[in-house]
Amino acid sequence: MPATAVAEDQTFEQLQAEIPAIRQKLNLFRSSLSRFFVQKGELIDLMVVAAIAQEPLLLVGPPGTAKSDLILKFKDALGIADDEYFEYMLTRFTEPSEIIGPIDINQLRDGRYIRREQGKLPTAKLAFLDEIFKSNSAILNILLTIINEKKFYQDGAPQPVNLRVLFAATNEIPEHGELSALKDRFVLKAESRSVQDEHFEELIDFGLRGEVYKNLNQKPWKEGHCTLADFLKVSQYLTMLFGRTEQSANGDELNDRQVFFPKEVFTEFQRLVKTLVREDRIFISDRKLVKLYKLFRVRAWLFSGGTVNRDDLKLLAYLGETHQEMALLREKIPTLLGA
């Protein structure tokens, strides 16, 4: 039975019983995977949070800073089969057939415009799109539909995709206006920076060990701590939790925000957003604010069991849409939070 079906068929009570054990497994997963990288634990934590929330994550950085390696080892560590994974490097010459499959000639003879999507993005559960902003307008439209609505079109009719986790990477973040819609879909954009200045010896040692693993076809990071099904169960559980209400001592109904987002922390969230918009002209759409709430809650569940605290607001440091904004937020958010 597919992992998605397993999660979707379970009741809230069934998922709730499994959640504490899964949380332990996910925390072991992220800490164990970090052992195979130099100073990339923060990025791995973001990848785990984004995967649980089923929100796309963009890794930004120059070549050779482990962006692809992070995603490939993450995929391997989850034990995702090759037929559930799609990876592609995009260029301005990339054609839709390379992403969602070629046209089925036999179906075309019968007057139907059907793509053979097997092995392409629509059938993957986890996907990695490298140099995503180099894609052309045709690919951008396809990606927006898949990210926004989890579907693509076959013969003019919408068809659901299997995609649950999307990671993308780019060396540069272009400032072209036509890319703004796609950039906005990536709530979190994290830099993968060079570590050689401060961790030169460690980098050499880890890099050489990685070459040995590669040449001997070894993958010791495949430790089996958890699977994609575990991520999907947590995602389903938290989604159900977001829609539930609790009764207060005086009989009032309390929603998710009132139960899990303390008023003083929520007020701080509002203050930080207003400061970034007013002082630094950081664009934060209404859609992004809602997505941020979900990401705060996921991070809080993963790190501390549920209730959002000031530390979870550090995710605001990953809202930058240019290299200048990313550098600014990296310094400013901890300062504003007093960290």
Protein backbone atom coordinates (compact mmCIF):
# COMPACT_ATOMS: atom_id res chain seq x y z
CA MET A 1 0.00 0.00 0.00
CA PRO A 2 1.43 3.44 -0.90
CA ALA A 3 2.78 5.53 1.99
CA THR A 4 0.29 8.31 1.25
CA ALA A 5 -2.64 5.91 1.50
CA VAL A 6 -1.39 4.57 4.83
CA ALA A 7 -1.37 8.05 6.36
CA GLU A 8 -4.65 9.19 4.83
CA ASP A 9 -6.53 6.07 5.96
CA GLN A 10 -5.61 6.49 9.64
CA THR A 11 -7.79 8.30 12.14
CA PHE A 12 -6.52 11.13 14.31
CA GLU A 13 -6.46 8.85 17.34
CA GLN A 14 -4.45 6.19 15.47
CA LEU A 15 -1.92 8.75 14.30
CA GLN A 16 -1.74 10.37 17.74
CA ALA A 17 -0.71 7.05 19.27
CA GLU A 18 2.21 6.75 16.84
CA ILE A 19 3.37 10.36 16.90
CA PRO A 20 5.72 10.32 19.94
CA ALA A 21 7.71 7.38 18.54
CA ILE A 22 7.85 8.95 15.08
CA ARG A 23 9.11 12.23 16.54
CA GLN A 24 12.00 10.35 18.14
CA LYS A 25 12.77 8.65 14.83
CA LEU A 26 12.76 11.93 12.90
CA ASN A 27 15.06 13.61 15.39
CA LEU A 28 17.42 10.64 15.19
CA PHE A 29 17.22 10.87 11.39
CA ARG A 30 18.25 14.53 11.26
CA SER A 31 21.04 14.21 13.83
CA SER A 32 22.42 11.05 12.20
CA LEU A 33 22.41 12.51 8.69
CA SER A 34 24.28 15.58 9.96
CA ARG A 35 27.24 13.36 10.82
CA PHE A 36 28.08 13.03 7.13
CA PHE A 37 28.44 16.76 6.49
CA VAL A 38 30.51 19.67 7.74
CA GLN A 39 28.35 22.38 9.31
CA LYS A 40 25.15 21.49 7.42
CA GLY A 41 22.96 20.51 10.38
CA GLU A 42 20.93 23.72 10.13
CA LEU A 43 20.07 22.96 6.50
CA ILE A 44 19.15 19.36 7.30
CA ASP A 45 16.82 20.60 10.04
CA LEU A 46 15.15 22.90 7.50
CA MET A 47 14.82 20.03 5.04
CA VAL A 48 13.09 17.90 7.67
CA VAL A 49 10.71 20.73 8.64
CA ALA A 50 9.88 21.49 5.00
CA ALA A 51 9.33 17.81 4.19
CA ILE A 52 6.93 17.37 7.11
CA ALA A 53 5.04 20.52 6.12
CA GLN A 54 5.13 19.43 2.47
CA GLU A 55 6.39 22.88 1.55
CA PRO A 56 9.10 23.29 -1.11
CA LEU A 57 12.56 24.32 0.05
CA LEU A 58 15.14 26.21 -2.01
CA LEU A 59 18.87 25.79 -1.37
CA VAL A 60 20.96 28.71 -2.61
CA GLY A 61 24.72 28.74 -3.01
CA PRO A 62 27.70 28.54 -5.35
CA PRO A 63 28.73 25.23 -6.93
CA GLY A 64 30.53 22.81 -4.65
CA THR A 65 28.76 23.69 -1.41
CA ALA A 66 26.96 20.33 -0.99
CA LYS A 67 23.47 21.38 -2.18
CA SER A 68 22.98 18.30 -4.37
CA ASP A 69 24.76 16.03 -1.92
CA LEU A 70 22.41 17.07 0.89
CA ILE A 71 19.35 16.20 -1.15
CA LEU A 72 20.70 12.91 -2.49
CA LYS A 73 21.76 11.67 0.94
CA PHE A 74 18.42 12.80 2.39
CA LYS A 75 16.67 10.73 -0.28
CA ASP A 76 18.90 7.71 0.33
CA ALA A 77 18.49 7.94 4.11
CA LEU A 78 14.72 7.78 3.68
CA GLY A 79 15.07 4.66 1.53
CA ILE A 80 13.09 6.19 -1.32
CA ALA A 81 13.03 3.94 -4.38
CA ASP A 82 14.35 5.20 -7.70
CA ASP A 83 10.87 5.10 -9.27
CA GLU A 84 9.58 7.45 -6.53
CA TYR A 85 12.36 10.01 -7.06
CA PHE A 86 12.87 12.54 -9.85
CA GLU A 87 15.93 14.69 -10.37
CA TYR A 88 16.63 17.14 -13.17
CA MET A 89 18.85 20.10 -13.95
CA LEU A 90 16.82 22.76 -15.73
CA THR A 91 17.96 25.08 -18.50
CA ARG A 92 16.15 27.58 -20.69
CA PHE A 93 16.03 24.86 -23.34
CA THR A 94 14.33 22.26 -21.12
CA GLU A 95 11.14 20.96 -22.72
CA PRO A 96 7.96 19.88 -20.90
CA SER A 97 8.50 16.30 -22.11
CA GLU A 98 11.68 16.14 -20.02
CA ILE A 99 9.76 17.03 -16.87
CA ILE A 100 6.27 15.56 -17.20
CA GLY A 101 6.85 12.97 -19.90
CA PRO A 102 6.74 12.67 -23.70
CA ILE A 103 3.53 12.58 -25.70
CA ASP A 104 2.17 9.06 -26.19
CA ILE A 105 2.20 8.68 -29.99
CA ASN A 106 -0.33 5.84 -29.98
CA GLN A 107 -2.79 7.92 -27.96
CA LEU A 108 -2.13 10.91 -30.21
CA ARG A 109 -3.21 8.87 -33.25
CA ASP A 110 -6.54 8.43 -31.48
CA GLY A 111 -6.83 12.16 -30.95
CA ARG A 112 -5.79 12.16 -27.29
CA TYR A 113 -2.98 14.36 -25.92
CA ILE A 114 -1.61 12.07 -23.22
CA ARG A 115 1.88 12.14 -21.74
CA ARG A 116 3.75 9.06 -20.57
CA GLU A 117 4.52 10.42 -17.12
CA GLN A 118 6.09 7.29 -15.59
CA GLY A 119 9.54 8.09 -14.22
CA LYS A 120 8.93 11.84 -14.49
CA LEU A 121 7.92 14.53 -12.00
CA PRO A 122 4.18 13.62 -11.77
CA THR A 123 4.93 10.10 -10.48
CA ALA A 124 7.70 11.05 -8.04
CA LYS A 125 7.10 11.42 -4.32
CA LEU A 126 10.34 13.32 -3.76
CA ALA A 127 11.87 15.56 -6.42
CA PHE A 128 15.01 17.63 -6.79
CA LEU A 129 15.06 20.40 -9.41
CA ASP A 130 18.50 21.91 -9.86
CA GLU A 131 18.94 25.43 -11.27
CA ILE A 132 15.18 25.87 -11.08
CA PHE A 133 15.20 29.54 -12.10
CA LYS A 134 16.88 28.82 -15.42
CA SER A 135 13.71 27.16 -16.71
CA ASN A 136 11.59 28.74 -19.44
CA SER A 137 8.01 30.03 -19.22
CA ALA A 138 6.45 26.71 -20.31
CA ILE A 139 8.21 24.85 -17.50
CA LEU A 140 7.44 27.61 -14.99
CA ASN A 141 3.71 27.30 -15.67
CA ILE A 142 3.86 23.53 -15.21
CA LEU A 143 5.81 23.85 -11.96
CA LEU A 144 3.46 26.46 -10.52
CA THR A 145 0.47 24.20 -11.14
CA ILE A 146 2.21 21.20 -9.60
CA ILE A 147 3.42 23.14 -6.53
CA ASN A 148 0.16 25.06 -5.98
CA GLU A 149 -2.42 22.48 -6.81
CA LYS A 150 -0.56 19.14 -6.80
CA LYS A 151 -1.78 18.36 -10.30
CA PHE A 152 -0.87 18.53 -13.99
CA TYR A 153 -2.99 18.29 -17.12
CA GLN A 154 -3.55 15.23 -19.29
CA ASP A 155 -5.57 15.80 -22.43
CA GLY A 156 -6.92 19.01 -20.89
CA ALA A 157 -8.08 17.34 -17.68
CA PRO A 158 -6.39 17.80 -14.28
CA GLN A 159 -4.63 14.75 -12.88
CA PRO A 160 -3.18 14.54 -9.35
CA VAL A 161 0.56 14.11 -8.89
CA ASN A 162 2.28 11.96 -6.27
CA LEU A 163 4.73 14.69 -5.28
CA ARG A 164 5.00 15.24 -1.53
CA VAL A 165 8.49 16.68 -1.04
CA LEU A 166 10.16 19.17 -3.38
CA PHE A 167 13.70 20.44 -3.00
CA ALA A 168 15.24 22.86 -5.47
CA ALA A 169 18.64 24.47 -5.81
CA THR A 170 20.14 27.47 -7.53
CA ASN A 171 23.53 29.12 -7.75
CA GLU A 172 21.96 32.54 -8.17
CA ILE A 173 18.56 34.09 -7.44
CA PRO A 174 17.60 36.16 -10.49
CA GLU A 175 15.50 39.27 -9.99
CA HIS A 176 13.39 38.94 -13.15
CA GLY A 177 9.76 39.85 -12.51
CA GLU A 178 8.39 36.79 -14.30
CA LEU A 179 10.02 34.58 -11.66
CA SER A 180 8.41 36.31 -8.68
CA ALA A 181 5.44 33.92 -8.53
CA LEU A 182 7.71 30.87 -8.43
CA LYS A 183 10.03 32.46 -5.85
CA ASP A 184 7.06 33.22 -3.62
CA ARG A 185 6.10 29.52 -3.55
CA PHE A 186 9.39 28.79 -1.81
CA VAL A 187 8.66 30.25 1.61
CA LEU A 188 12.03 29.09 2.92
CA LYS A 189 15.21 29.90 0.99
CA ALA A 190 18.39 28.80 2.73
CA GLU A 191 22.01 29.44 1.85
CA SER A 192 24.49 26.60 1.58
CA ARG A 193 27.76 28.42 2.16
CA SER A 194 31.38 27.37 1.82
CA VAL A 195 32.89 26.04 5.05
CA GLN A 196 36.58 26.04 4.07
CA ASP A 197 37.52 29.25 5.92
CA GLU A 198 36.62 27.94 9.37
CA HIS A 199 36.63 24.16 8.87
CA PHE A 200 39.45 23.50 6.39
CA GLU A 201 40.85 20.31 7.95
CA GLU A 202 37.42 18.88 8.68
CA LEU A 203 36.31 19.60 5.11
CA ILE A 204 39.28 17.71 3.66
CA ASP A 205 38.75 14.73 5.96
CA PHE A 206 35.02 14.53 5.30
CA GLY A 207 35.50 15.08 1.57
CA LEU A 208 38.06 12.30 1.28
CA ARG A 209 35.82 9.95 3.23
CA GLY A 210 32.99 10.85 0.85
CA GLU A 211 35.18 9.96 -2.13
CA VAL A 212 35.86 6.54 -0.58
CA TYR A 213 32.13 5.92 -0.07
CA LYS A 214 31.45 6.95 -3.66
CA ASN A 215 34.15 4.82 -5.26
CA LEU A 216 33.26 1.77 -3.18
CA ASN A 217 29.51 2.33 -3.74
CA GLN A 218 28.85 2.53 -0.01
CA LYS A 219 26.00 4.50 1.56
CA PRO A 220 26.41 4.36 5.35
CA TRP A 221 23.92 7.20 5.78
CA LYS A 222 21.17 4.72 4.82
CA GLU A 223 20.60 3.84 8.46
CA GLY A 224 16.86 3.16 8.25
CA HIS A 225 15.84 5.48 11.07
CA CYS A 226 12.60 6.48 9.32
CA THR A 227 10.82 6.47 5.98
CA LEU A 228 8.77 8.87 3.90
CA ALA A 229 5.68 7.25 5.40
CA ASP A 230 6.73 8.61 8.81
CA PHE A 231 6.95 12.14 7.40
CA LEU A 232 3.54 11.77 5.79
CA LYS A 233 1.95 10.48 8.98
CA VAL A 234 3.19 13.51 10.90
CA SER A 235 1.99 15.81 8.12
CA GLN A 236 -1.46 14.22 8.21
CA TYR A 237 -1.58 14.33 12.01
CA LEU A 238 -0.63 18.01 12.20
CA THR A 239 -3.08 18.89 9.42
CA MET A 240 -5.86 17.24 11.40
CA LEU A 241 -4.67 18.99 14.56
CA PHE A 242 -4.77 22.40 12.85
CA GLY A 243 -8.49 21.91 12.24
CA ARG A 244 -9.41 20.81 15.76
CA THR A 245 -10.59 22.97 18.65
CA GLU A 246 -10.25 22.59 22.40
CA GLN A 247 -12.43 23.84 25.20
CA SER A 248 -10.95 26.24 27.71
CA ALA A 249 -11.68 26.09 31.44
CA ASN A 250 -14.53 28.59 30.99
CA GLY A 251 -16.04 26.66 28.07
CA ASP A 252 -14.72 28.79 25.19
CA GLU A 253 -13.59 27.02 22.03
CA LEU A 254 -9.89 27.52 21.30
CA ASN A 255 -8.40 27.05 17.83
CA ASP A 256 -4.89 25.83 17.00
CA ARG A 257 -3.33 29.29 17.26
CA GLN A 258 -4.87 29.91 20.67
CA VAL A 259 -3.68 26.55 21.99
CA PHE A 260 -0.22 26.20 20.45
CA PHE A 261 0.93 29.75 19.69
CA PRO A 262 1.23 31.73 22.97
CA LYS A 263 -0.06 35.28 22.71
CA GLU A 264 3.27 36.90 23.56
CA VAL A 265 5.08 34.84 20.88
CA PHE A 266 2.39 35.59 18.31
CA THR A 267 2.67 39.30 19.11
CA GLU A 268 6.41 39.05 18.58
CA PHE A 269 5.78 37.33 15.23
CA GLN A 270 3.58 40.25 14.16
CA ARG A 271 6.17 42.78 15.35
CA LEU A 272 8.97 41.11 13.41
CA VAL A 273 6.93 40.93 10.21
CA LYS A 274 5.94 44.60 10.44
CA THR A 275 9.56 45.58 11.10
CA LEU A 276 10.87 43.64 8.10
CA VAL A 277 8.21 45.05 5.79
CA ARG A 278 8.52 48.62 7.02
CA GLU A 279 12.26 48.97 7.59
CA ASP A 280 13.74 46.58 5.04
CA ARG A 281 11.04 46.37 2.37
CA ILE A 282 10.96 42.57 2.63
CA PHE A 283 8.01 41.30 0.60
CA ILE A 284 5.88 38.90 2.65
CA SER A 285 2.67 37.90 0.92
CA ASP A 286 -0.52 36.94 2.77
CA ARG A 287 -0.08 33.39 1.46
CA LYS A 288 3.45 33.27 2.85
CA LEU A 289 2.27 34.33 6.33
CA VAL A 290 -0.12 31.37 6.47
CA LYS A 291 2.60 29.00 5.27
CA LEU A 292 4.95 30.43 7.89
CA TYR A 293 2.44 29.65 10.63
CA LYS A 294 2.39 26.02 9.50
CA LEU A 295 6.18 25.86 9.37
CA PHE A 296 6.49 27.37 12.86
CA ARG A 297 4.14 24.72 14.18
CA VAL A 298 6.03 21.90 12.46
CA ARG A 299 9.35 23.13 13.81
CA ALA A 300 7.89 23.49 17.30
CA TRP A 301 6.50 19.96 17.18
CA LEU A 302 9.80 18.52 15.96
CA PHE A 303 12.10 20.35 18.39
CA SER A 304 9.99 20.79 21.51
CA GLY A 305 6.79 18.79 21.14
CA GLY A 306 4.22 21.34 20.02
CA THR A 307 3.98 24.85 21.44
CA VAL A 308 5.64 27.57 19.36
CA ASN A 309 8.34 29.57 21.16
CA ARG A 310 10.58 32.50 20.23
CA ASP A 311 13.29 30.18 18.93
CA ASP A 312 10.92 28.89 16.23
CA LEU A 313 10.59 32.43 14.88
CA LYS A 314 14.16 32.05 13.56
CA LEU A 315 12.55 30.68 10.41
CA LEU A 316 11.96 34.33 9.46
CA ALA A 317 15.68 34.46 8.63
CA TYR A 318 14.97 32.36 5.52
CA LEU A 319 12.52 34.72 3.80
CA GLY A 320 15.07 36.57 1.67
CA GLU A 321 14.42 36.73 -2.07
CA THR A 322 17.81 38.15 -3.06
CA HIS A 323 21.34 37.52 -1.85
CA GLN A 324 21.26 40.93 -0.17
CA GLU A 325 18.04 40.13 1.69
CA MET A 326 19.34 36.72 2.72
CA ALA A 327 22.50 38.26 4.18
CA LEU A 328 20.47 40.96 5.92
CA LEU A 329 18.00 38.54 7.52
CA ARG A 330 20.76 36.15 8.59
CA GLU A 331 22.11 38.92 10.82
CA LYS A 332 18.95 40.85 11.67
CA ILE A 333 16.53 38.14 12.84
CA PRO A 334 18.77 36.80 15.64
CA THR A 335 19.40 40.40 16.70
CA LEU A 336 15.68 41.21 16.80
CA LEU A 337 15.02 38.05 18.75
CA GLY A 338 17.84 38.81 21.15
CA ALA A 339 19.53 35.52 20.30
